[in-house]
Amino acid sequence: EMFEVYNGPSGESPILPKGTFPQKSGVSKARKEVHSSGHWHRSIHVWLINPKGELLVQRRSEFKDTFPNRWDVSVGGHITSGYGSRDTATKEIKEEL
């Protein structure tokens, strides 16, 4: 699974200035490398709330490489190189629910 790497903010602040967006670096790297090196990459989160206002959460697998056994959003996933956020959200909803 390959992810497009994005250029993060320059300088000491991990926050981009208002109105700016990360830019593609032109490089794709494997999931493990992106996570271990801290490269910026895209992901999606879907928050599901029922009519009573209750949020659906899930516990991550103990075998996840990041934040195992922790509570997480209803649906989440990485955007694979060449795919968009809506396509990824649809795919992840089908996989996780």
PDB file of N, CA and C in Angstrom:
ATOM      1  N   GLU A   1       0.856  -1.176   0.000  1.00  0.00           N
ATOM      2  CA  GLU A   1       0.000   0.000   0.000  1.00  0.00           C
ATOM      3  C   GLU A   1       0.898   1.234   0.000  1.00  0.00           C
ATOM      4  N   MET A   2       0.717   2.084  -1.011  1.00  0.00           N
ATOM      5  CA  MET A   2       1.556   3.275  -1.166  1.00  0.00           C
ATOM      6  C   MET A   2       0.737   4.537  -0.911  1.00  0.00           C
ATOM      7  N   PHE A   3       1.368   5.501  -0.233  1.00  0.00           N
ATOM      8  CA  PHE A   3       0.719   6.773   0.067  1.00  0.00           C
ATOM      9  C   PHE A   3       1.508   7.911  -0.552  1.00  0.00           C
ATOM     10  N   GLU A   4       0.790   8.905  -1.065  1.00  0.00           N
ATOM     11  CA  GLU A   4       1.447  10.106  -1.563  1.00  0.00           C
ATOM     12  C   GLU A   4       1.958  10.906  -0.367  1.00  0.00           C
ATOM     13  N   VAL A   5       3.197  11.339  -0.448  1.00  0.00           N
ATOM     14  CA  VAL A   5       3.807  12.139   0.615  1.00  0.00           C
ATOM     15  C   VAL A   5       3.562  13.612   0.308  1.00  0.00           C
ATOM     16  N   TYR A   6       3.205  14.350   1.339  1.00  0.00           N
ATOM     17  CA  TYR A   6       2.949  15.790   1.213  1.00  0.00           C
ATOM     18  C   TYR A   6       4.009  16.571   1.965  1.00  0.00           C
ATOM     19  N   ASN A   7       4.290  17.777   1.493  1.00  0.00           N
ATOM     20  CA  ASN A   7       5.222  18.651   2.187  1.00  0.00           C
ATOM     21  C   ASN A   7       4.497  19.286   3.367  1.00  0.00           C
ATOM     22  N   GLY A   8       5.041  19.111   4.546  1.00  0.00           N
ATOM     23  CA  GLY A   8       4.479  19.721   5.744  1.00  0.00           C
ATOM     24  C   GLY A   8       4.908  21.174   5.853  1.00  0.00           C
ATOM     25  N   PRO A   9       4.498  21.829   6.924  1.00  0.00           N
ATOM     26  CA  PRO A   9       4.880  23.234   7.105  1.00  0.00           C
ATOM     27  C   PRO A   9       6.380  23.371   7.329  1.00  0.00           C
ATOM     28  N   SER A  10       6.926  24.487   6.876  1.00  0.00           N
ATOM     29  CA  SER A  10       8.349  24.732   7.125  1.00  0.00           C
ATOM     30  C   SER A  10       8.475  25.487   8.444  1.00  0.00           C
ATOM     31  N   GLY A  11       9.624  25.420   9.039  1.00  0.00           N
ATOM     32  CA  GLY A  11       9.827  26.098  10.311  1.00  0.00           C
ATOM     33  C   GLY A  11       9.484  25.192  11.482  1.00  0.00           C
ATOM     34  N   GLU A  12       9.347  25.794  12.650  1.00  0.00           N
ATOM     35  CA  GLU A  12       9.159  25.026  13.874  1.00  0.00           C
ATOM     36  C   GLU A  12       7.710  24.633  14.136  1.00  0.00           C
ATOM     37  N   SER A  13       6.754  25.371  13.611  1.00  0.00           N
ATOM     38  CA  SER A  13       5.356  25.105  13.897  1.00  0.00           C
ATOM     39  C   SER A  13       4.834  23.939  13.055  1.00  0.00           C
ATOM     40  N   PRO A  14       4.104  22.995  13.695  1.00  0.00           N
ATOM     41  CA  PRO A  14       3.518  21.892  12.930  1.00  0.00           C
ATOM     42  C   PRO A  14       2.188  22.269  12.275  1.00  0.00           C
ATOM     43  N   ILE A  15       1.837  23.544  12.328  1.00  0.00           N
ATOM     44  CA  ILE A  15       0.548  24.007  11.807  1.00  0.00           C
ATOM     45  C   ILE A  15       0.771  24.864  10.568  1.00  0.00           C
ATOM     46  N   LEU A  16      -0.010  24.589   9.535  1.00  0.00           N
ATOM     47  CA  LEU A  16       0.068  25.404   8.316  1.00  0.00           C
ATOM     48  C   LEU A  16      -0.655  26.725   8.536  1.00  0.00           C
ATOM     49  N   PRO A  17      -0.180  27.793   7.940  1.00  0.00           N
ATOM     50  CA  PRO A  17      -0.879  29.078   8.052  1.00  0.00           C
ATOM     51  C   PRO A  17      -2.295  28.983   7.477  1.00  0.00           C
ATOM     52  N   LYS A  18      -3.202  29.757   8.033  1.00  0.00           N
ATOM     53  CA  LYS A  18      -4.598  29.764   7.590  1.00  0.00           C
ATOM     54  C   LYS A  18      -4.666  30.012   6.080  1.00  0.00           C
ATOM     55  N   GLY A  19      -5.519  29.229   5.402  1.00  0.00           N
ATOM     56  CA  GLY A  19      -5.713  29.395   3.970  1.00  0.00           C
ATOM     57  C   GLY A  19      -4.698  28.681   3.101  1.00  0.00           C
ATOM     58  N   THR A  20      -3.757  27.971   3.716  1.00  0.00           N
ATOM     59  CA  THR A  20      -2.781  27.208   2.928  1.00  0.00           C
ATOM     60  C   THR A  20      -3.052  25.716   3.097  1.00  0.00           C
ATOM     61  N   PHE A  21      -2.584  24.939   2.142  1.00  0.00           N
ATOM     62  CA  PHE A  21      -2.828  23.505   2.154  1.00  0.00           C
ATOM     63  C   PHE A  21      -1.526  22.776   1.857  1.00  0.00           C
ATOM     64  N   PRO A  22      -1.372  21.565   2.391  1.00  0.00           N
ATOM     65  CA  PRO A  22      -0.164  20.787   2.072  1.00  0.00           C
ATOM     66  C   PRO A  22      -0.077  20.534   0.569  1.00  0.00           C
ATOM     67  N   GLN A  23       1.115  20.519   0.060  1.00  0.00           N
ATOM     68  CA  GLN A  23       1.354  20.295  -1.362  1.00  0.00           C
ATOM     69  C   GLN A  23       2.008  18.927  -1.550  1.00  0.00           C
ATOM     70  N   LYS A  24       1.613  18.233  -2.626  1.00  0.00           N
ATOM     71  CA  LYS A  24       2.220  16.947  -2.936  1.00  0.00           C
ATOM     72  C   LYS A  24       3.714  17.121  -3.165  1.00  0.00           C
ATOM     73  N   SER A  25       4.477  16.167  -2.670  1.00  0.00           N
ATOM     74  CA  SER A  25       5.926  16.202  -2.874  1.00  0.00           C
ATOM     75  C   SER A  25       6.325  15.540  -4.182  1.00  0.00           C
ATOM     76  N   GLY A  26       5.394  14.786  -4.776  1.00  0.00           N
ATOM     77  CA  GLY A  26       5.714  14.045  -5.994  1.00  0.00           C
ATOM     78  C   GLY A  26       6.279  12.671  -5.716  1.00  0.00           C
ATOM     79  N   VAL A  27       6.275  12.281  -4.436  1.00  0.00           N
ATOM     80  CA  VAL A  27       6.834  11.002  -4.025  1.00  0.00           C
ATOM     81  C   VAL A  27       5.751  10.173  -3.345  1.00  0.00           C
ATOM     82  N   SER A  28       5.737   8.876  -3.620  1.00  0.00           N
ATOM     83  CA  SER A  28       4.878   7.938  -2.899  1.00  0.00           C
ATOM     84  C   SER A  28       5.768   6.979  -2.134  1.00  0.00           C
ATOM     85  N   LYS A  29       5.340   6.651  -0.914  1.00  0.00           N
ATOM     86  CA  LYS A  29       6.127   5.741  -0.086  1.00  0.00           C
ATOM     87  C   LYS A  29       5.209   4.716   0.568  1.00  0.00           C
ATOM     88  N   ALA A  30       5.794   3.608   0.977  1.00  0.00           N
ATOM     89  CA  ALA A  30       5.048   2.533   1.631  1.00  0.00           C
ATOM     90  C   ALA A  30       4.540   2.982   2.995  1.00  0.00           C
ATOM     91  N   ARG A  31       3.418   2.417   3.414  1.00  0.00           N
ATOM     92  CA  ARG A  31       2.774   2.750   4.683  1.00  0.00           C
ATOM     93  C   ARG A  31       3.765   2.747   5.853  1.00  0.00           C
ATOM     94  N   LYS A  32       4.527   1.671   5.987  1.00  0.00           N
ATOM     95  CA  LYS A  32       5.457   1.541   7.117  1.00  0.00           C
ATOM     96  C   LYS A  32       6.478   2.679   7.126  1.00  0.00           C
ATOM     97  N   GLU A  33       7.000   3.007   5.968  1.00  0.00           N
ATOM     98  CA  GLU A  33       8.000   4.074   5.876  1.00  0.00           C
ATOM     99  C   GLU A  33       7.390   5.436   6.205  1.00  0.00           C
ATOM    100  N   VAL A  34       6.178   5.679   5.704  1.00  0.00           N
ATOM    101  CA  VAL A  34       5.502   6.954   5.975  1.00  0.00           C
ATOM    102  C   VAL A  34       5.277   7.120   7.469  1.00  0.00           C
ATOM    103  N   HIS A  35       4.805   6.058   8.134  1.00  0.00           N
ATOM    104  CA  HIS A  35       4.538   6.143   9.573  1.00  0.00           C
ATOM    105  C   HIS A  35       5.816   6.244  10.393  1.00  0.00           C
ATOM    106  N   SER A  36       6.819   5.460  10.051  1.00  0.00           N
ATOM    107  CA  SER A  36       8.045   5.455  10.859  1.00  0.00           C
ATOM    108  C   SER A  36       8.834   6.750  10.720  1.00  0.00           C
ATOM    109  N   SER A  37       8.720   7.411   9.567  1.00  0.00           N
ATOM    110  CA  SER A  37       9.490   8.639   9.354  1.00  0.00           C
ATOM    111  C   SER A  37       8.684   9.910   9.627  1.00  0.00           C
ATOM    112  N   GLY A  38       7.374   9.758   9.850  1.00  0.00           N
ATOM    113  CA  GLY A  38       6.548  10.923  10.163  1.00  0.00           C
ATOM    114  C   GLY A  38       6.183  11.784   8.966  1.00  0.00           C
ATOM    115  N   HIS A  39       6.255  11.226   7.766  1.00  0.00           N
ATOM    116  CA  HIS A  39       5.890  11.997   6.575  1.00  0.00           C
ATOM    117  C   HIS A  39       4.404  12.348   6.600  1.00  0.00           C
ATOM    118  N   TRP A  40       4.086  13.522   6.094  1.00  0.00           N
ATOM    119  CA  TRP A  40       2.691  13.927   5.961  1.00  0.00           C
ATOM    120  C   TRP A  40       2.040  13.119   4.860  1.00  0.00           C
ATOM    121  N   HIS A  41       0.817  12.635   5.129  1.00  0.00           N
ATOM    122  CA  HIS A  41       0.051  11.882   4.147  1.00  0.00           C
ATOM    123  C   HIS A  41      -1.430  12.073   4.478  1.00  0.00           C
ATOM    124  N   ARG A  42      -2.301  11.726   3.514  1.00  0.00           N
ATOM    125  CA  ARG A  42      -3.726  11.993   3.702  1.00  0.00           C
ATOM    126  C   ARG A  42      -4.461  10.785   4.280  1.00  0.00           C
ATOM    127  N   SER A  43      -5.504  11.099   5.039  1.00  0.00           N
ATOM    128  CA  SER A  43      -6.385  10.065   5.576  1.00  0.00           C
ATOM    129  C   SER A  43      -7.797  10.632   5.650  1.00  0.00           C
ATOM    130  N   ILE A  44      -8.751   9.746   5.887  1.00  0.00           N
ATOM    131  CA  ILE A  44     -10.141  10.187   6.032  1.00  0.00           C
ATOM    132  C   ILE A  44     -10.661   9.736   7.389  1.00  0.00           C
ATOM    133  N   HIS A  45     -11.603  10.489   7.925  1.00  0.00           N
ATOM    134  CA  HIS A  45     -12.351  10.109   9.124  1.00  0.00           C
ATOM    135  C   HIS A  45     -13.818  10.301   8.823  1.00  0.00           C
ATOM    136  N   VAL A  46     -14.635   9.339   9.220  1.00  0.00           N
ATOM    137  CA  VAL A  46     -16.085   9.446   9.104  1.00  0.00           C
ATOM    138  C   VAL A  46     -16.643   9.294  10.511  1.00  0.00           C
ATOM    139  N   TRP A  47     -17.399  10.276  10.963  1.00  0.00           N
ATOM    140  CA  TRP A  47     -17.983  10.275  12.305  1.00  0.00           C
ATOM    141  C   TRP A  47     -19.472   9.996  12.158  1.00  0.00           C
ATOM    142  N   LEU A  48     -19.936   8.888  12.719  1.00  0.00           N
ATOM    143  CA  LEU A  48     -21.338   8.504  12.618  1.00  0.00           C
ATOM    144  C   LEU A  48     -22.049   8.794  13.937  1.00  0.00           C
ATOM    145  N   ILE A  49     -23.130   9.565  13.847  1.00  0.00           N
ATOM    146  CA  ILE A  49     -23.904   9.967  15.021  1.00  0.00           C
ATOM    147  C   ILE A  49     -25.357   9.571  14.779  1.00  0.00           C
ATOM    148  N   ASN A  50     -25.955   8.881  15.750  1.00  0.00           N
ATOM    149  CA  ASN A  50     -27.340   8.447  15.584  1.00  0.00           C
ATOM    150  C   ASN A  50     -28.303   9.580  15.964  1.00  0.00           C
ATOM    151  N   PRO A  51     -29.610   9.388  15.762  1.00  0.00           N
ATOM    152  CA  PRO A  51     -30.581  10.446  16.058  1.00  0.00           C
ATOM    153  C   PRO A  51     -30.596  10.899  17.528  1.00  0.00           C
ATOM    154  N   LYS A  52     -30.085  10.050  18.437  1.00  0.00           N
ATOM    155  CA  LYS A  52     -30.015  10.441  19.853  1.00  0.00           C
ATOM    156  C   LYS A  52     -28.750  11.251  20.167  1.00  0.00           C
ATOM    157  N   GLY A  53     -27.922  11.460  19.149  1.00  0.00           N
ATOM    158  CA  GLY A  53     -26.691  12.218  19.347  1.00  0.00           C
ATOM    159  C   GLY A  53     -25.523  11.384  19.845  1.00  0.00           C
ATOM    160  N   GLU A  54     -25.653  10.064  19.795  1.00  0.00           N
ATOM    161  CA  GLU A  54     -24.585   9.185  20.253  1.00  0.00           C
ATOM    162  C   GLU A  54     -23.603   8.921  19.116  1.00  0.00           C
ATOM    163  N   LEU A  55     -22.324   8.979  19.451  1.00  0.00           N
ATOM    164  CA  LEU A  55     -21.255   8.770  18.470  1.00  0.00           C
ATOM    165  C   LEU A  55     -20.843   7.307  18.454  1.00  0.00           C
ATOM    166  N   LEU A  56     -20.777   6.729  17.262  1.00  0.00           N
ATOM    167  CA  LEU A  56     -20.290   5.359  17.111  1.00  0.00           C
ATOM    168  C   LEU A  56     -18.766   5.397  17.080  1.00  0.00           C
ATOM    169  N   VAL A  57     -18.144   4.671  18.015  1.00  0.00           N
ATOM    170  CA  VAL A  57     -16.682   4.552  18.040  1.00  0.00           C
ATOM    171  C   VAL A  57     -16.327   3.070  17.960  1.00  0.00           C
ATOM    172  N   GLN A  58     -15.076   2.805  17.682  1.00  0.00           N
ATOM    173  CA  GLN A  58     -14.602   1.425  17.624  1.00  0.00           C
ATOM    174  C   GLN A  58     -13.249   1.328  18.315  1.00  0.00           C
ATOM    175  N   ARG A  59     -12.936   0.154  18.808  1.00  0.00           N
ATOM    176  CA  ARG A  59     -11.621  -0.081  19.413  1.00  0.00           C
ATOM    177  C   ARG A  59     -10.699  -0.649  18.337  1.00  0.00           C
ATOM    178  N   ARG A  60      -9.525  -0.037  18.229  1.00  0.00           N
ATOM    179  CA  ARG A  60      -8.548  -0.501  17.245  1.00  0.00           C
ATOM    180  C   ARG A  60      -7.995  -1.868  17.650  1.00  0.00           C
ATOM    181  N   SER A  61      -7.578  -2.626  16.658  1.00  0.00           N
ATOM    182  CA  SER A  61      -6.987  -3.942  16.892  1.00  0.00           C
ATOM    183  C   SER A  61      -5.699  -3.813  17.699  1.00  0.00           C
ATOM    184  N   GLU A  62      -5.416  -4.834  18.488  1.00  0.00           N
ATOM    185  CA  GLU A  62      -4.158  -4.852  19.246  1.00  0.00           C
ATOM    186  C   GLU A  62      -2.947  -4.992  18.322  1.00  0.00           C
ATOM    187  N   PHE A  63      -3.187  -5.356  17.062  1.00  0.00           N
ATOM    188  CA  PHE A  63      -2.090  -5.579  16.121  1.00  0.00           C
ATOM    189  C   PHE A  63      -1.789  -4.368  15.236  1.00  0.00           C
ATOM    190  N   LYS A  64      -2.502  -3.255  15.416  1.00  0.00           N
ATOM    191  CA  LYS A  64      -2.247  -2.044  14.633  1.00  0.00           C
ATOM    192  C   LYS A  64      -0.856  -1.502  14.961  1.00  0.00           C
ATOM    193  N   ASP A  65      -0.185  -0.922  13.951  1.00  0.00           N
ATOM    194  CA  ASP A  65       1.158  -0.379  14.178  1.00  0.00           C
ATOM    195  C   ASP A  65       1.118   0.986  14.871  1.00  0.00           C
ATOM    196  N   THR A  66      -0.017   1.649  14.810  1.00  0.00           N
ATOM    197  CA  THR A  66      -0.162   2.929  15.521  1.00  0.00           C
ATOM    198  C   THR A  66      -1.393   2.863  16.426  1.00  0.00           C
ATOM    199  N   PHE A  67      -1.229   3.255  17.650  1.00  0.00           N
ATOM    200  CA  PHE A  67      -2.311   3.349  18.642  1.00  0.00           C
ATOM    201  C   PHE A  67      -3.142   2.070  18.784  1.00  0.00           C
ATOM    202  N   PRO A  68      -2.489   0.917  18.992  1.00  0.00           N
ATOM    203  CA  PRO A  68      -3.253  -0.321  19.172  1.00  0.00           C
ATOM    204  C   PRO A  68      -4.137  -0.257  20.420  1.00  0.00           C
ATOM    205  N   ASN A  69      -5.270  -0.944  20.362  1.00  0.00           N
ATOM    206  CA  ASN A  69      -6.219  -1.053  21.481  1.00  0.00           C
ATOM    207  C   ASN A  69      -6.829   0.275  21.928  1.00  0.00           C
ATOM    208  N   ARG A  70      -6.698   1.306  21.153  1.00  0.00           N
ATOM    209  CA  ARG A  70      -7.274   2.611  21.524  1.00  0.00           C
ATOM    210  C   ARG A  70      -8.625   2.802  20.851  1.00  0.00           C
ATOM    211  N   TRP A  71      -9.463   3.647  21.455  1.00  0.00           N
ATOM    212  CA  TRP A  71     -10.742   4.003  20.845  1.00  0.00           C
ATOM    213  C   TRP A  71     -10.478   4.902  19.653  1.00  0.00           C
ATOM    214  N   ASP A  72     -11.316   4.779  18.629  1.00  0.00           N
ATOM    215  CA  ASP A  72     -11.089   5.506  17.386  1.00  0.00           C
ATOM    216  C   ASP A  72     -12.420   5.965  16.802  1.00  0.00           C
ATOM    217  N   VAL A  73     -12.342   6.775  15.778  1.00  0.00           N
ATOM    218  CA  VAL A  73     -13.523   7.291  15.085  1.00  0.00           C
ATOM    219  C   VAL A  73     -14.338   6.144  14.500  1.00  0.00           C
ATOM    220  N   SER A  74     -15.551   6.456  14.053  1.00  0.00           N
ATOM    221  CA  SER A  74     -16.433   5.439  13.472  1.00  0.00           C
ATOM    222  C   SER A  74     -15.748   4.699  12.336  1.00  0.00           C
ATOM    223  N   VAL A  75     -15.166   5.446  11.416  1.00  0.00           N
ATOM    224  CA  VAL A  75     -14.479   4.877  10.251  1.00  0.00           C
ATOM    225  C   VAL A  75     -13.277   5.758   9.940  1.00  0.00           C
ATOM    226  N   GLY A  76     -12.165   5.144   9.657  1.00  0.00           N
ATOM    227  CA  GLY A  76     -10.977   5.896   9.275  1.00  0.00           C
ATOM    228  C   GLY A  76     -10.118   5.087   8.329  1.00  0.00           C
ATOM    229  N   GLY A  77      -9.311   5.766   7.552  1.00  0.00           N
ATOM    230  CA  GLY A  77      -8.426   5.055   6.640  1.00  0.00           C
ATOM    231  C   GLY A  77      -7.508   6.006   5.903  1.00  0.00           C
ATOM    232  N   HIS A  78      -6.466   5.449   5.345  1.00  0.00           N
ATOM    233  CA  HIS A  78      -5.502   6.222   4.565  1.00  0.00           C
ATOM    234  C   HIS A  78      -5.934   6.308   3.112  1.00  0.00           C
ATOM    235  N   ILE A  79      -5.601   7.416   2.497  1.00  0.00           N
ATOM    236  CA  ILE A  79      -5.891   7.601   1.072  1.00  0.00           C
ATOM    237  C   ILE A  79      -4.701   7.068   0.281  1.00  0.00           C
ATOM    238  N   THR A  80      -4.920   5.975  -0.425  1.00  0.00           N
ATOM    239  CA  THR A  80      -3.869   5.344  -1.219  1.00  0.00           C
ATOM    240  C   THR A  80      -3.532   6.216  -2.428  1.00  0.00           C
ATOM    241  N   SER A  81      -2.289   6.183  -2.838  1.00  0.00           N
ATOM    242  CA  SER A  81      -1.849   6.959  -4.000  1.00  0.00           C
ATOM    243  C   SER A  81      -2.793   6.755  -5.182  1.00  0.00           C
ATOM    244  N   GLY A  82      -3.215   7.875  -5.785  1.00  0.00           N
ATOM    245  CA  GLY A  82      -4.076   7.823  -6.952  1.00  0.00           C
ATOM    246  C   GLY A  82      -5.567   7.845  -6.637  1.00  0.00           C
ATOM    247  N   TYR A  83      -5.944   7.809  -5.367  1.00  0.00           N
ATOM    248  CA  TYR A  83      -7.356   7.801  -4.985  1.00  0.00           C
ATOM    249  C   TYR A  83      -7.731   9.110  -4.301  1.00  0.00           C
ATOM    250  N   GLY A  84      -9.031   9.395  -4.254  1.00  0.00           N
ATOM    251  CA  GLY A  84      -9.521  10.599  -3.613  1.00  0.00           C
ATOM    252  C   GLY A  84     -10.153  10.308  -2.263  1.00  0.00           C
ATOM    253  N   SER A  85     -10.532  11.359  -1.559  1.00  0.00           N
ATOM    254  CA  SER A  85     -11.085  11.204  -0.220  1.00  0.00           C
ATOM    255  C   SER A  85     -12.467  10.551  -0.236  1.00  0.00           C
ATOM    256  N   ARG A  86     -13.324  10.902  -1.183  1.00  0.00           N
ATOM    257  CA  ARG A  86     -14.666  10.301  -1.220  1.00  0.00           C
ATOM    258  C   ARG A  86     -14.602   8.815  -1.568  1.00  0.00           C
ATOM    259  N   ASP A  87     -13.776   8.461  -2.543  1.00  0.00           N
ATOM    260  CA  ASP A  87     -13.619   7.050  -2.897  1.00  0.00           C
ATOM    261  C   ASP A  87     -13.100   6.252  -1.702  1.00  0.00           C
ATOM    262  N   THR A  88     -12.137   6.817  -1.007  1.00  0.00           N
ATOM    263  CA  THR A  88     -11.554   6.140   0.150  1.00  0.00           C
ATOM    264  C   THR A  88     -12.575   6.005   1.270  1.00  0.00           C
ATOM    265  N   ALA A  89     -13.343   7.067   1.537  1.00  0.00           N
ATOM    266  CA  ALA A  89     -14.361   7.003   2.591  1.00  0.00           C
ATOM    267  C   ALA A  89     -15.386   5.927   2.288  1.00  0.00           C
ATOM    268  N   THR A  90     -15.845   5.863   1.051  1.00  0.00           N
ATOM    269  CA  THR A  90     -16.818   4.844   0.653  1.00  0.00           C
ATOM    270  C   THR A  90     -16.252   3.440   0.845  1.00  0.00           C
ATOM    271  N   LYS A  91     -15.017   3.247   0.411  1.00  0.00           N
ATOM    272  CA  LYS A  91     -14.355   1.945   0.544  1.00  0.00           C
ATOM    273  C   LYS A  91     -14.220   1.555   2.014  1.00  0.00           C
ATOM    274  N   GLU A  92     -13.769   2.501   2.849  1.00  0.00           N
ATOM    275  CA  GLU A  92     -13.541   2.218   4.269  1.00  0.00           C
ATOM    276  C   GLU A  92     -14.851   1.945   5.005  1.00  0.00           C
ATOM    277  N   ILE A  93     -15.922   2.653   4.663  1.00  0.00           N
ATOM    278  CA  ILE A  93     -17.219   2.393   5.288  1.00  0.00           C
ATOM    279  C   ILE A  93     -17.668   0.969   4.992  1.00  0.00           C
ATOM    280  N   LYS A  94     -17.500   0.532   3.748  1.00  0.00           N
ATOM    281  CA  LYS A  94     -17.883  -0.832   3.375  1.00  0.00           C
ATOM    282  C   LYS A  94     -17.036  -1.867   4.100  1.00  0.00           C
ATOM    283  N   GLU A  95     -15.751  -1.582   4.316  1.00  0.00           N
ATOM    284  CA  GLU A  95     -14.861  -2.518   4.978  1.00  0.00           C
ATOM    285  C   GLU A  95     -15.106  -2.595   6.490  1.00  0.00           C
ATOM    286  N   GLU A  96     -15.382  -1.458   7.106  1.00  0.00           N
ATOM    287  CA  GLU A  96     -15.391  -1.405   8.567  1.00  0.00           C
ATOM    288  C   GLU A  96     -16.765  -1.550   9.212  1.00  0.00           C
ATOM    289  N   LEU A  97     -17.832  -1.333   8.445  1.00  0.00           N
ATOM    290  CA  LEU A  97     -19.160  -1.438   9.052  1.00  0.00           C
ATOM    291  C   LEU A  97     -19.909  -2.661   8.569  1.00  0.00           C
TER     292      LEU A  97
END
